[in-house]
Amino acid sequence: MFLNEAQWQALAGALRVLEAELLALGLWGEVRPHDSCLNSAAPFALDTLSFEEWLQWVFLPRMAAYVASRSRPSAACNLQPMGEEAFACLGRRKLGLLMALGEVDRMAAPLSPAHPIQVP
């Protein structure tokens, strides 16, 4: 599916909300992990990073680059199900974060390879 400018802007906004939620919950790190941790081939880099580290240091920068270049990622996001598991320890405090993850999933879904690009 082809995204119009408003949809790209909405995705950028959803990414900013996700960052703000991570910051508000104290899940934003100050120290960048070693490159070997960031280059993991495992889903969400679970073998080398916590989910919030992966969001901060891998996912958000990649998505910002996709938005800036108006290009498609190679896979669907599917963040919210992972967030439900990874942030279960936060109890009710996780609700805003899960909503932000779900919104990113929803806004990025048309970019998924499962959705064909339609030329305007």
PDB file of N, CA and C in Angstrom:
ATOM      1  N   MET A   1       0.852  -1.173   0.000  1.00  0.00           N
ATOM      2  CA  MET A   1       0.000   0.000   0.000  1.00  0.00           C
ATOM      3  C   MET A   1       0.895   1.233   0.000  1.00  0.00           C
ATOM      4  N   PHE A   2       0.495   2.211  -0.699  1.00  0.00           N
ATOM      5  CA  PHE A   2       1.224   3.473  -0.770  1.00  0.00           C
ATOM      6  C   PHE A   2       0.767   4.363   0.376  1.00  0.00           C
ATOM      7  N   LEU A   3       1.701   4.902   1.148  1.00  0.00           N
ATOM      8  CA  LEU A   3       1.350   5.812   2.231  1.00  0.00           C
ATOM      9  C   LEU A   3       1.385   7.238   1.714  1.00  0.00           C
ATOM     10  N   ASN A   4       0.368   7.996   2.082  1.00  0.00           N
ATOM     11  CA  ASN A   4       0.403   9.409   1.735  1.00  0.00           C
ATOM     12  C   ASN A   4       1.186  10.156   2.822  1.00  0.00           C
ATOM     13  N   GLU A   5       1.412  11.429   2.602  1.00  0.00           N
ATOM     14  CA  GLU A   5       2.234  12.212   3.530  1.00  0.00           C
ATOM     15  C   GLU A   5       1.649  12.234   4.938  1.00  0.00           C
ATOM     16  N   ALA A   6       0.331  12.326   5.042  1.00  0.00           N
ATOM     17  CA  ALA A   6      -0.310  12.340   6.363  1.00  0.00           C
ATOM     18  C   ALA A   6      -0.060  11.033   7.105  1.00  0.00           C
ATOM     19  N   GLN A   7      -0.052   9.919   6.399  1.00  0.00           N
ATOM     20  CA  GLN A   7       0.205   8.623   7.033  1.00  0.00           C
ATOM     21  C   GLN A   7       1.660   8.518   7.492  1.00  0.00           C
ATOM     22  N   TRP A   8       2.591   9.033   6.667  1.00  0.00           N
ATOM     23  CA  TRP A   8       3.993   9.039   7.092  1.00  0.00           C
ATOM     24  C   TRP A   8       4.160   9.895   8.346  1.00  0.00           C
ATOM     25  N   GLN A   9       3.503  11.034   8.379  1.00  0.00           N
ATOM     26  CA  GLN A   9       3.586  11.913   9.543  1.00  0.00           C
ATOM     27  C   GLN A   9       2.958  11.253  10.773  1.00  0.00           C
ATOM     28  N   ALA A  10       1.864  10.522  10.570  1.00  0.00           N
ATOM     29  CA  ALA A  10       1.227   9.821  11.690  1.00  0.00           C
ATOM     30  C   ALA A  10       2.146   8.735  12.242  1.00  0.00           C
ATOM     31  N   LEU A  11       2.844   8.025  11.357  1.00  0.00           N
ATOM     32  CA  LEU A  11       3.796   7.014  11.809  1.00  0.00           C
ATOM     33  C   LEU A  11       4.933   7.679  12.586  1.00  0.00           C
ATOM     34  N   ALA A  12       5.447   8.784  12.085  1.00  0.00           N
ATOM     35  CA  ALA A  12       6.504   9.514  12.800  1.00  0.00           C
ATOM     36  C   ALA A  12       6.006   9.949  14.175  1.00  0.00           C
ATOM     37  N   GLY A  13       4.777  10.400  14.253  1.00  0.00           N
ATOM     38  CA  GLY A  13       4.204  10.791  15.541  1.00  0.00           C
ATOM     39  C   GLY A  13       4.076   9.617  16.483  1.00  0.00           C
ATOM     40  N   ALA A  14       3.654   8.465  15.975  1.00  0.00           N
ATOM     41  CA  ALA A  14       3.529   7.263  16.803  1.00  0.00           C
ATOM     42  C   ALA A  14       4.894   6.847  17.348  1.00  0.00           C
ATOM     43  N   LEU A  15       5.932   6.998  16.560  1.00  0.00           N
ATOM     44  CA  LEU A  15       7.279   6.679  17.022  1.00  0.00           C
ATOM     45  C   LEU A  15       7.726   7.635  18.128  1.00  0.00           C
ATOM     46  N   ARG A  16       7.378   8.905  18.006  1.00  0.00           N
ATOM     47  CA  ARG A  16       7.713   9.879  19.062  1.00  0.00           C
ATOM     48  C   ARG A  16       6.972   9.552  20.357  1.00  0.00           C
ATOM     49  N   VAL A  17       5.708   9.124  20.252  1.00  0.00           N
ATOM     50  CA  VAL A  17       4.942   8.754  21.445  1.00  0.00           C
ATOM     51  C   VAL A  17       5.579   7.540  22.109  1.00  0.00           C
ATOM     52  N   LEU A  18       6.008   6.570  21.325  1.00  0.00           N
ATOM     53  CA  LEU A  18       6.683   5.398  21.883  1.00  0.00           C
ATOM     54  C   LEU A  18       7.941   5.817  22.645  1.00  0.00           C
ATOM     55  N   GLU A  19       8.735   6.681  22.058  1.00  0.00           N
ATOM     56  CA  GLU A  19       9.935   7.166  22.741  1.00  0.00           C
ATOM     57  C   GLU A  19       9.568   7.869  24.043  1.00  0.00           C
ATOM     58  N   ALA A  20       8.543   8.703  24.013  1.00  0.00           N
ATOM     59  CA  ALA A  20       8.121   9.426  25.216  1.00  0.00           C
ATOM     60  C   ALA A  20       7.664   8.467  26.305  1.00  0.00           C
ATOM     61  N   GLU A  21       6.966   7.406  25.945  1.00  0.00           N
ATOM     62  CA  GLU A  21       6.524   6.417  26.934  1.00  0.00           C
ATOM     63  C   GLU A  21       7.719   5.711  27.569  1.00  0.00           C
ATOM     64  N   LEU A  22       8.696   5.337  26.758  1.00  0.00           N
ATOM     65  CA  LEU A  22       9.893   4.700  27.305  1.00  0.00           C
ATOM     66  C   LEU A  22      10.611   5.636  28.281  1.00  0.00           C
ATOM     67  N   LEU A  23      10.713   6.885  27.906  1.00  0.00           N
ATOM     68  CA  LEU A  23      11.336   7.876  28.788  1.00  0.00           C
ATOM     69  C   LEU A  23      10.552   8.039  30.083  1.00  0.00           C
ATOM     70  N   ALA A  24       9.239   8.169  29.981  1.00  0.00           N
ATOM     71  CA  ALA A  24       8.396   8.394  31.161  1.00  0.00           C
ATOM     72  C   ALA A  24       8.470   7.239  32.148  1.00  0.00           C
ATOM     73  N   LEU A  25       8.681   6.035  31.636  1.00  0.00           N
ATOM     74  CA  LEU A  25       8.743   4.857  32.505  1.00  0.00           C
ATOM     75  C   LEU A  25      10.168   4.560  32.984  1.00  0.00           C
ATOM     76  N   GLY A  26      11.107   5.398  32.623  1.00  0.00           N
ATOM     77  CA  GLY A  26      12.485   5.166  33.040  1.00  0.00           C
ATOM     78  C   GLY A  26      13.144   4.019  32.305  1.00  0.00           C
ATOM     79  N   LEU A  27      12.663   3.727  31.100  1.00  0.00           N
ATOM     80  CA  LEU A  27      13.192   2.609  30.321  1.00  0.00           C
ATOM     81  C   LEU A  27      14.116   3.074  29.207  1.00  0.00           C
ATOM     82  N   TRP A  28      14.547   4.317  29.283  1.00  0.00           N
ATOM     83  CA  TRP A  28      15.429   4.890  28.262  1.00  0.00           C
ATOM     84  C   TRP A  28      16.837   4.883  28.805  1.00  0.00           C
ATOM     85  N   GLY A  29      17.730   4.184  28.126  1.00  0.00           N
ATOM     86  CA  GLY A  29      19.106   4.061  28.599  1.00  0.00           C
ATOM     87  C   GLY A  29      19.976   5.216  28.183  1.00  0.00           C
ATOM     88  N   GLU A  30      21.006   5.464  28.971  1.00  0.00           N
ATOM     89  CA  GLU A  30      21.968   6.526  28.686  1.00  0.00           C
ATOM     90  C   GLU A  30      23.189   6.002  27.938  1.00  0.00           C
ATOM     91  N   VAL A  31      23.481   4.724  28.109  1.00  0.00           N
ATOM     92  CA  VAL A  31      24.694   4.150  27.535  1.00  0.00           C
ATOM     93  C   VAL A  31      24.328   3.210  26.389  1.00  0.00           C
ATOM     94  N   ARG A  32      24.875   3.489  25.218  1.00  0.00           N
ATOM     95  CA  ARG A  32      24.624   2.666  24.038  1.00  0.00           C
ATOM     96  C   ARG A  32      25.302   1.311  24.213  1.00  0.00           C
ATOM     97  N   PRO A  33      24.559   0.219  23.960  1.00  0.00           N
ATOM     98  CA  PRO A  33      25.178  -1.114  24.048  1.00  0.00           C
ATOM     99  C   PRO A  33      26.278  -1.278  22.999  1.00  0.00           C
ATOM    100  N   HIS A  34      27.147  -2.219  23.245  1.00  0.00           N
ATOM    101  CA  HIS A  34      28.230  -2.530  22.320  1.00  0.00           C
ATOM    102  C   HIS A  34      27.649  -2.945  20.970  1.00  0.00           C
ATOM    103  N   ASP A  35      28.367  -2.646  19.898  1.00  0.00           N
ATOM    104  CA  ASP A  35      27.903  -2.966  18.549  1.00  0.00           C
ATOM    105  C   ASP A  35      27.560  -4.444  18.382  1.00  0.00           C
ATOM    106  N   SER A  36      28.299  -5.319  19.017  1.00  0.00           N
ATOM    107  CA  SER A  36      28.018  -6.759  18.883  1.00  0.00           C
ATOM    108  C   SER A  36      26.635  -7.098  19.441  1.00  0.00           C
ATOM    109  N   CYS A  37      26.194  -6.374  20.437  1.00  0.00           N
ATOM    110  CA  CYS A  37      24.844  -6.588  20.992  1.00  0.00           C
ATOM    111  C   CYS A  37      23.776  -6.068  20.033  1.00  0.00           C
ATOM    112  N   LEU A  38      24.067  -4.985  19.361  1.00  0.00           N
ATOM    113  CA  LEU A  38      23.100  -4.365  18.458  1.00  0.00           C
ATOM    114  C   LEU A  38      22.947  -5.124  17.154  1.00  0.00           C
ATOM    115  N   ASN A  39      23.936  -5.939  16.800  1.00  0.00           N
ATOM    116  CA  ASN A  39      23.921  -6.643  15.523  1.00  0.00           C
ATOM    117  C   ASN A  39      23.427  -8.076  15.626  1.00  0.00           C
ATOM    118  N   SER A  40      22.723  -8.406  16.662  1.00  0.00           N
ATOM    119  CA  SER A  40      22.198  -9.748  16.846  1.00  0.00           C
ATOM    120  C   SER A  40      21.215 -10.097  15.717  1.00  0.00           C
ATOM    121  N   ALA A  41      21.218 -11.348  15.323  1.00  0.00           N
ATOM    122  CA  ALA A  41      20.282 -11.826  14.300  1.00  0.00           C
ATOM    123  C   ALA A  41      19.006 -12.380  14.928  1.00  0.00           C
ATOM    124  N   ALA A  42      18.962 -12.493  16.236  1.00  0.00           N
ATOM    125  CA  ALA A  42      17.781 -13.036  16.913  1.00  0.00           C
ATOM    126  C   ALA A  42      16.638 -12.024  16.852  1.00  0.00           C
ATOM    127  N   PRO A  43      15.389 -12.510  16.801  1.00  0.00           N
ATOM    128  CA  PRO A  43      14.255 -11.573  16.824  1.00  0.00           C
ATOM    129  C   PRO A  43      14.349 -10.655  18.038  1.00  0.00           C
ATOM    130  N   PHE A  44      14.163  -9.353  17.810  1.00  0.00           N
ATOM    131  CA  PHE A  44      14.230  -8.335  18.851  1.00  0.00           C
ATOM    132  C   PHE A  44      15.568  -8.355  19.600  1.00  0.00           C
ATOM    133  N   ALA A  45      16.578  -9.012  19.028  1.00  0.00           N
ATOM    134  CA  ALA A  45      17.907  -9.134  19.645  1.00  0.00           C
ATOM    135  C   ALA A  45      17.809  -9.654  21.077  1.00  0.00           C
ATOM    136  N   LEU A  46      16.870 -10.550  21.311  1.00  0.00           N
ATOM    137  CA  LEU A  46      16.620 -11.031  22.673  1.00  0.00           C
ATOM    138  C   LEU A  46      17.797 -11.756  23.302  1.00  0.00           C
ATOM    139  N   ASP A  47      18.720 -12.193  22.478  1.00  0.00           N
ATOM    140  CA  ASP A  47      19.884 -12.881  23.041  1.00  0.00           C
ATOM    141  C   ASP A  47      20.936 -11.910  23.576  1.00  0.00           C
ATOM    142  N   THR A  48      20.822 -10.616  23.210  1.00  0.00           N
ATOM    143  CA  THR A  48      21.848  -9.662  23.637  1.00  0.00           C
ATOM    144  C   THR A  48      21.298  -8.389  24.281  1.00  0.00           C
ATOM    145  N   LEU A  49      20.015  -8.081  24.075  1.00  0.00           N
ATOM    146  CA  LEU A  49      19.423  -6.836  24.575  1.00  0.00           C
ATOM    147  C   LEU A  49      18.095  -7.099  25.272  1.00  0.00           C
ATOM    148  N   SER A  50      17.730  -6.205  26.169  1.00  0.00           N
ATOM    149  CA  SER A  50      16.358  -6.231  26.684  1.00  0.00           C
ATOM    150  C   SER A  50      15.467  -5.645  25.593  1.00  0.00           C
ATOM    151  N   PHE A  51      14.176  -5.867  25.681  1.00  0.00           N
ATOM    152  CA  PHE A  51      13.270  -5.365  24.654  1.00  0.00           C
ATOM    153  C   PHE A  51      13.318  -3.842  24.584  1.00  0.00           C
ATOM    154  N   GLU A  52      13.372  -3.173  25.729  1.00  0.00           N
ATOM    155  CA  GLU A  52      13.420  -1.710  25.701  1.00  0.00           C
ATOM    156  C   GLU A  52      14.730  -1.201  25.088  1.00  0.00           C
ATOM    157  N   GLU A  53      15.838  -1.920  25.314  1.00  0.00           N
ATOM    158  CA  GLU A  53      17.092  -1.535  24.661  1.00  0.00           C
ATOM    159  C   GLU A  53      16.973  -1.686  23.146  1.00  0.00           C
ATOM    160  N   TRP A  54      16.383  -2.798  22.719  1.00  0.00           N
ATOM    161  CA  TRP A  54      16.208  -3.016  21.284  1.00  0.00           C
ATOM    162  C   TRP A  54      15.335  -1.918  20.685  1.00  0.00           C
ATOM    163  N   LEU A  55      14.234  -1.561  21.359  1.00  0.00           N
ATOM    164  CA  LEU A  55      13.382  -0.484  20.862  1.00  0.00           C
ATOM    165  C   LEU A  55      14.181   0.806  20.707  1.00  0.00           C
ATOM    166  N   GLN A  56      14.935   1.161  21.734  1.00  0.00           N
ATOM    167  CA  GLN A  56      15.674   2.426  21.734  1.00  0.00           C
ATOM    168  C   GLN A  56      16.816   2.443  20.728  1.00  0.00           C
ATOM    169  N   TRP A  57      17.625   1.415  20.723  1.00  0.00           N
ATOM    170  CA  TRP A  57      18.876   1.466  19.980  1.00  0.00           C
ATOM    171  C   TRP A  57      18.814   0.851  18.587  1.00  0.00           C
ATOM    172  N   VAL A  58      17.801   0.025  18.322  1.00  0.00           N
ATOM    173  CA  VAL A  58      17.696  -0.628  17.010  1.00  0.00           C
ATOM    174  C   VAL A  58      16.421  -0.192  16.289  1.00  0.00           C
ATOM    175  N   PHE A  59      15.274  -0.466  16.891  1.00  0.00           N
ATOM    176  CA  PHE A  59      14.003  -0.238  16.206  1.00  0.00           C
ATOM    177  C   PHE A  59      13.733   1.231  15.892  1.00  0.00           C
ATOM    178  N   LEU A  60      13.787   2.093  16.895  1.00  0.00           N
ATOM    179  CA  LEU A  60      13.447   3.503  16.659  1.00  0.00           C
ATOM    180  C   LEU A  60      14.383   4.164  15.633  1.00  0.00           C
ATOM    181  N   PRO A  61      15.696   3.953  15.704  1.00  0.00           N
ATOM    182  CA  PRO A  61      16.545   4.537  14.652  1.00  0.00           C
ATOM    183  C   PRO A  61      16.248   3.986  13.255  1.00  0.00           C
ATOM    184  N   ARG A  62      15.996   2.687  13.159  1.00  0.00           N
ATOM    185  CA  ARG A  62      15.669   2.108  11.845  1.00  0.00           C
ATOM    186  C   ARG A  62      14.372   2.690  11.303  1.00  0.00           C
ATOM    187  N   MET A  63      13.365   2.771  12.161  1.00  0.00           N
ATOM    188  CA  MET A  63      12.085   3.296  11.697  1.00  0.00           C
ATOM    189  C   MET A  63      12.204   4.768  11.327  1.00  0.00           C
ATOM    190  N   ALA A  64      12.999   5.526  12.065  1.00  0.00           N
ATOM    191  CA  ALA A  64      13.208   6.931  11.713  1.00  0.00           C
ATOM    192  C   ALA A  64      13.843   7.042  10.328  1.00  0.00           C
ATOM    193  N   ALA A  65      14.762   6.139  10.015  1.00  0.00           N
ATOM    194  CA  ALA A  65      15.390   6.143   8.686  1.00  0.00           C
ATOM    195  C   ALA A  65      14.373   5.784   7.604  1.00  0.00           C
ATOM    196  N   TYR A  66      13.497   4.804   7.879  1.00  0.00           N
ATOM    197  CA  TYR A  66      12.455   4.454   6.902  1.00  0.00           C
ATOM    198  C   TYR A  66      11.528   5.632   6.659  1.00  0.00           C
ATOM    199  N   VAL A  67      11.147   6.309   7.732  1.00  0.00           N
ATOM    200  CA  VAL A  67      10.249   7.462   7.593  1.00  0.00           C
ATOM    201  C   VAL A  67      10.947   8.566   6.805  1.00  0.00           C
ATOM    202  N   ALA A  68      12.185   8.844   7.134  1.00  0.00           N
ATOM    203  CA  ALA A  68      12.920   9.916   6.449  1.00  0.00           C
ATOM    204  C   ALA A  68      13.080   9.647   4.959  1.00  0.00           C
ATOM    205  N   SER A  69      13.293   8.377   4.615  1.00  0.00           N
ATOM    206  CA  SER A  69      13.508   8.023   3.206  1.00  0.00           C
ATOM    207  C   SER A  69      12.225   7.578   2.505  1.00  0.00           C
ATOM    208  N   ARG A  70      11.136   7.490   3.285  1.00  0.00           N
ATOM    209  CA  ARG A  70       9.842   7.028   2.746  1.00  0.00           C
ATOM    210  C   ARG A  70       9.992   5.654   2.091  1.00  0.00           C
ATOM    211  N   SER A  71      10.707   4.762   2.788  1.00  0.00           N
ATOM    212  CA  SER A  71      10.928   3.414   2.279  1.00  0.00           C
ATOM    213  C   SER A  71      10.308   2.385   3.214  1.00  0.00           C
ATOM    214  N   ARG A  72      10.165   1.180   2.701  1.00  0.00           N
ATOM    215  CA  ARG A  72       9.511   0.097   3.439  1.00  0.00           C
ATOM    216  C   ARG A  72      10.493  -0.731   4.253  1.00  0.00           C
ATOM    217  N   PRO A  73      10.119  -1.074   5.495  1.00  0.00           N
ATOM    218  CA  PRO A  73      10.931  -2.040   6.246  1.00  0.00           C
ATOM    219  C   PRO A  73      10.782  -3.431   5.618  1.00  0.00           C
ATOM    220  N   SER A  74      11.656  -4.331   5.981  1.00  0.00           N
ATOM    221  CA  SER A  74      11.637  -5.671   5.390  1.00  0.00           C
ATOM    222  C   SER A  74      10.651  -6.617   6.069  1.00  0.00           C
ATOM    223  N   ALA A  75      10.086  -6.211   7.186  1.00  0.00           N
ATOM    224  CA  ALA A  75       9.155  -7.088   7.906  1.00  0.00           C
ATOM    225  C   ALA A  75       8.151  -6.253   8.692  1.00  0.00           C
ATOM    226  N   ALA A  76       7.045  -6.885   9.067  1.00  0.00           N
ATOM    227  CA  ALA A  76       6.045  -6.221   9.902  1.00  0.00           C
ATOM    228  C   ALA A  76       6.618  -6.004  11.301  1.00  0.00           C
ATOM    229  N   CYS A  77       6.063  -5.056  12.018  1.00  0.00           N
ATOM    230  CA  CYS A  77       6.586  -4.731  13.350  1.00  0.00           C
ATOM    231  C   CYS A  77       6.170  -5.759  14.408  1.00  0.00           C
ATOM    232  N   ASN A  78       4.883  -5.918  14.649  1.00  0.00           N
ATOM    233  CA  ASN A  78       4.370  -6.841  15.665  1.00  0.00           C
ATOM    234  C   ASN A  78       4.996  -6.619  17.039  1.00  0.00           C
ATOM    235  N   LEU A  79       5.019  -5.373  17.459  1.00  0.00           N
ATOM    236  CA  LEU A  79       5.646  -5.003  18.728  1.00  0.00           C
ATOM    237  C   LEU A  79       4.769  -5.264  19.946  1.00  0.00           C
ATOM    238  N   GLN A  80       3.480  -5.015  19.816  1.00  0.00           N
ATOM    239  CA  GLN A  80       2.623  -5.079  20.992  1.00  0.00           C
ATOM    240  C   GLN A  80       2.621  -6.446  21.663  1.00  0.00           C
ATOM    241  N   PRO A  81       2.515  -7.563  20.925  1.00  0.00           N
ATOM    242  CA  PRO A  81       2.552  -8.862  21.619  1.00  0.00           C
ATOM    243  C   PRO A  81       3.849  -9.074  22.400  1.00  0.00           C
ATOM    244  N   MET A  82       4.961  -8.645  21.839  1.00  0.00           N
ATOM    245  CA  MET A  82       6.240  -8.775  22.549  1.00  0.00           C
ATOM    246  C   MET A  82       6.256  -7.860  23.773  1.00  0.00           C
ATOM    247  N   GLY A  83       5.712  -6.659  23.617  1.00  0.00           N
ATOM    248  CA  GLY A  83       5.655  -5.719  24.731  1.00  0.00           C
ATOM    249  C   GLY A  83       4.810  -6.232  25.882  1.00  0.00           C
ATOM    250  N   GLU A  84       3.719  -6.910  25.559  1.00  0.00           N
ATOM    251  CA  GLU A  84       2.863  -7.460  26.618  1.00  0.00           C
ATOM    252  C   GLU A  84       3.638  -8.421  27.493  1.00  0.00           C
ATOM    253  N   GLU A  85       4.498  -9.213  26.874  1.00  0.00           N
ATOM    254  CA  GLU A  85       5.305 -10.163  27.641  1.00  0.00           C
ATOM    255  C   GLU A  85       6.477  -9.462  28.338  1.00  0.00           C
ATOM    256  N   ALA A  86       7.198  -8.633  27.580  1.00  0.00           N
ATOM    257  CA  ALA A  86       8.410  -8.011  28.116  1.00  0.00           C
ATOM    258  C   ALA A  86       8.115  -7.032  29.246  1.00  0.00           C
ATOM    259  N   PHE A  87       6.965  -6.369  29.193  1.00  0.00           N
ATOM    260  CA  PHE A  87       6.664  -5.338  30.184  1.00  0.00           C
ATOM    261  C   PHE A  87       5.599  -5.770  31.194  1.00  0.00           C
ATOM    262  N   ALA A  88       5.347  -7.055  31.291  1.00  0.00           N
ATOM    263  CA  ALA A  88       4.353  -7.560  32.241  1.00  0.00           C
ATOM    264  C   ALA A  88       4.686  -7.137  33.671  1.00  0.00           C
ATOM    265  N   CYS A  89       5.958  -7.034  33.987  1.00  0.00           N
ATOM    266  CA  CYS A  89       6.392  -6.680  35.340  1.00  0.00           C
ATOM    267  C   CYS A  89       6.003  -5.250  35.725  1.00  0.00           C
ATOM    268  N   LEU A  90       5.619  -4.439  34.762  1.00  0.00           N
ATOM    269  CA  LEU A  90       5.254  -3.047  35.054  1.00  0.00           C
ATOM    270  C   LEU A  90       3.812  -2.896  35.533  1.00  0.00           C
ATOM    271  N   GLY A  91       3.058  -3.980  35.490  1.00  0.00           N
ATOM    272  CA  GLY A  91       1.658  -3.904  35.921  1.00  0.00           C
ATOM    273  C   GLY A  91       0.882  -2.888  35.099  1.00  0.00           C
ATOM    274  N   ARG A  92       0.050  -2.123  35.766  1.00  0.00           N
ATOM    275  CA  ARG A  92      -0.801  -1.148  35.071  1.00  0.00           C
ATOM    276  C   ARG A  92      -0.010  -0.007  34.434  1.00  0.00           C
ATOM    277  N   ARG A  93       1.192   0.213  34.922  1.00  0.00           N
ATOM    278  CA  ARG A  93       2.031   1.285  34.363  1.00  0.00           C
ATOM    279  C   ARG A  93       2.371   1.047  32.893  1.00  0.00           C
ATOM    280  N   LYS A  94       2.233  -0.192  32.438  1.00  0.00           N
ATOM    281  CA  LYS A  94       2.608  -0.526  31.066  1.00  0.00           C
ATOM    282  C   LYS A  94       1.536  -0.158  30.047  1.00  0.00           C
ATOM    283  N   LEU A  95       0.345   0.212  30.471  1.00  0.00           N
ATOM    284  CA  LEU A  95      -0.773   0.397  29.542  1.00  0.00           C
ATOM    285  C   LEU A  95      -0.493   1.441  28.460  1.00  0.00           C
ATOM    286  N   GLY A  96       0.033   2.580  28.814  1.00  0.00           N
ATOM    287  CA  GLY A  96       0.354   3.604  27.819  1.00  0.00           C
ATOM    288  C   GLY A  96       1.422   3.130  26.849  1.00  0.00           C
ATOM    289  N   LEU A  97       2.389   2.400  27.363  1.00  0.00           N
ATOM    290  CA  LEU A  97       3.450   1.863  26.520  1.00  0.00           C
ATOM    291  C   LEU A  97       2.886   0.840  25.538  1.00  0.00           C
ATOM    292  N   LEU A  98       2.012  -0.045  26.022  1.00  0.00           N
ATOM    293  CA  LEU A  98       1.401  -1.036  25.127  1.00  0.00           C
ATOM    294  C   LEU A  98       0.539  -0.362  24.067  1.00  0.00           C
ATOM    295  N   MET A  99      -0.162   0.697  24.450  1.00  0.00           N
ATOM    296  CA  MET A  99      -0.957   1.438  23.468  1.00  0.00           C
ATOM    297  C   MET A  99      -0.048   2.054  22.413  1.00  0.00           C
ATOM    298  N   ALA A 100       1.090   2.596  22.833  1.00  0.00           N
ATOM    299  CA  ALA A 100       2.030   3.196  21.890  1.00  0.00           C
ATOM    300  C   ALA A 100       2.602   2.137  20.943  1.00  0.00           C
ATOM    301  N   LEU A 101       2.936   0.968  21.477  1.00  0.00           N
ATOM    302  CA  LEU A 101       3.433  -0.116  20.634  1.00  0.00           C
ATOM    303  C   LEU A 101       2.379  -0.551  19.617  1.00  0.00           C
ATOM    304  N   GLY A 102       1.140  -0.664  20.073  1.00  0.00           N
ATOM    305  CA  GLY A 102       0.049  -1.048  19.180  1.00  0.00           C
ATOM    306  C   GLY A 102      -0.188  -0.025  18.086  1.00  0.00           C
ATOM    307  N   GLU A 103      -0.057   1.251  18.431  1.00  0.00           N
ATOM    308  CA  GLU A 103      -0.241   2.308  17.434  1.00  0.00           C
ATOM    309  C   GLU A 103       0.870   2.266  16.382  1.00  0.00           C
ATOM    310  N   VAL A 104       2.090   2.016  16.804  1.00  0.00           N
ATOM    311  CA  VAL A 104       3.177   1.870  15.832  1.00  0.00           C
ATOM    312  C   VAL A 104       2.890   0.674  14.931  1.00  0.00           C
ATOM    313  N   ASP A 105       2.467  -0.440  15.514  1.00  0.00           N
ATOM    314  CA  ASP A 105       2.105  -1.613  14.702  1.00  0.00           C
ATOM    315  C   ASP A 105       1.048  -1.243  13.667  1.00  0.00           C
ATOM    316  N   ARG A 106       0.030  -0.560  14.108  1.00  0.00           N
ATOM    317  CA  ARG A 106      -1.089  -0.214  13.225  1.00  0.00           C
ATOM    318  C   ARG A 106      -0.649   0.751  12.129  1.00  0.00           C
ATOM    319  N   MET A 107       0.119   1.760  12.495  1.00  0.00           N
ATOM    320  CA  MET A 107       0.542   2.757  11.515  1.00  0.00           C
ATOM    321  C   MET A 107       1.554   2.183  10.518  1.00  0.00           C
ATOM    322  N   ALA A 108       2.361   1.238  10.957  1.00  0.00           N
ATOM    323  CA  ALA A 108       3.378   0.651  10.083  1.00  0.00           C
ATOM    324  C   ALA A 108       2.850  -0.525   9.264  1.00  0.00           C
ATOM    325  N   ALA A 109       1.693  -1.053   9.617  1.00  0.00           N
ATOM    326  CA  ALA A 109       1.158  -2.232   8.918  1.00  0.00           C
ATOM    327  C   ALA A 109       1.091  -2.070   7.403  1.00  0.00           C
ATOM    328  N   PRO A 110       0.682  -0.916   6.877  1.00  0.00           N
ATOM    329  CA  PRO A 110       0.650  -0.788   5.412  1.00  0.00           C
ATOM    330  C   PRO A 110       2.023  -0.870   4.751  1.00  0.00           C
ATOM    331  N   LEU A 111       3.090  -0.746   5.534  1.00  0.00           N
ATOM    332  CA  LEU A 111       4.439  -0.844   4.995  1.00  0.00           C
ATOM    333  C   LEU A 111       4.937  -2.273   4.942  1.00  0.00           C
ATOM    334  N   SER A 112       4.224  -3.180   5.598  1.00  0.00           N
ATOM    335  CA  SER A 112       4.634  -4.567   5.684  1.00  0.00           C
ATOM    336  C   SER A 112       4.708  -5.196   4.289  1.00  0.00           C
ATOM    337  N   PRO A 113       5.660  -6.101   4.078  1.00  0.00           N
ATOM    338  CA  PRO A 113       5.740  -6.802   2.799  1.00  0.00           C
ATOM    339  C   PRO A 113       4.454  -7.561   2.453  1.00  0.00           C
ATOM    340  N   ALA A 114       3.633  -7.852   3.451  1.00  0.00           N
ATOM    341  CA  ALA A 114       2.369  -8.542   3.196  1.00  0.00           C
ATOM    342  C   ALA A 114       1.371  -7.632   2.481  1.00  0.00           C
ATOM    343  N   HIS A 115       1.598  -6.324   2.543  1.00  0.00           N
ATOM    344  CA  HIS A 115       0.736  -5.352   1.862  1.00  0.00           C
ATOM    345  C   HIS A 115       1.417  -4.901   0.575  1.00  0.00           C
ATOM    346  N   PRO A 116       0.798  -5.157  -0.563  1.00  0.00           N
ATOM    347  CA  PRO A 116       1.426  -4.739  -1.812  1.00  0.00           C
ATOM    348  C   PRO A 116       1.464  -3.224  -1.941  1.00  0.00           C
ATOM    349  N   ILE A 117       2.484  -2.718  -2.593  1.00  0.00           N
ATOM    350  CA  ILE A 117       2.577  -1.284  -2.862  1.00  0.00           C
ATOM    351  C   ILE A 117       1.673  -0.972  -4.030  1.00  0.00           C
ATOM    352  N   GLN A 118       0.866   0.040  -3.865  1.00  0.00           N
ATOM    353  CA  GLN A 118      -0.004   0.510  -4.945  1.00  0.00           C
ATOM    354  C   GLN A 118       0.571   1.813  -5.451  1.00  0.00           C
ATOM    355  N   VAL A 119       0.834   1.864  -6.716  1.00  0.00           N
ATOM    356  CA  VAL A 119       1.367   3.081  -7.315  1.00  0.00           C
ATOM    357  C   VAL A 119       0.216   4.058  -7.503  1.00  0.00           C
ATOM    358  N   PRO A 120       0.394   5.309  -7.021  1.00  0.00           N
ATOM    359  CA  PRO A 120      -0.693   6.275  -7.125  1.00  0.00           C
ATOM    360  C   PRO A 120      -0.928   6.707  -8.568  1.00  0.00           C
TER     361      PRO A 120
END
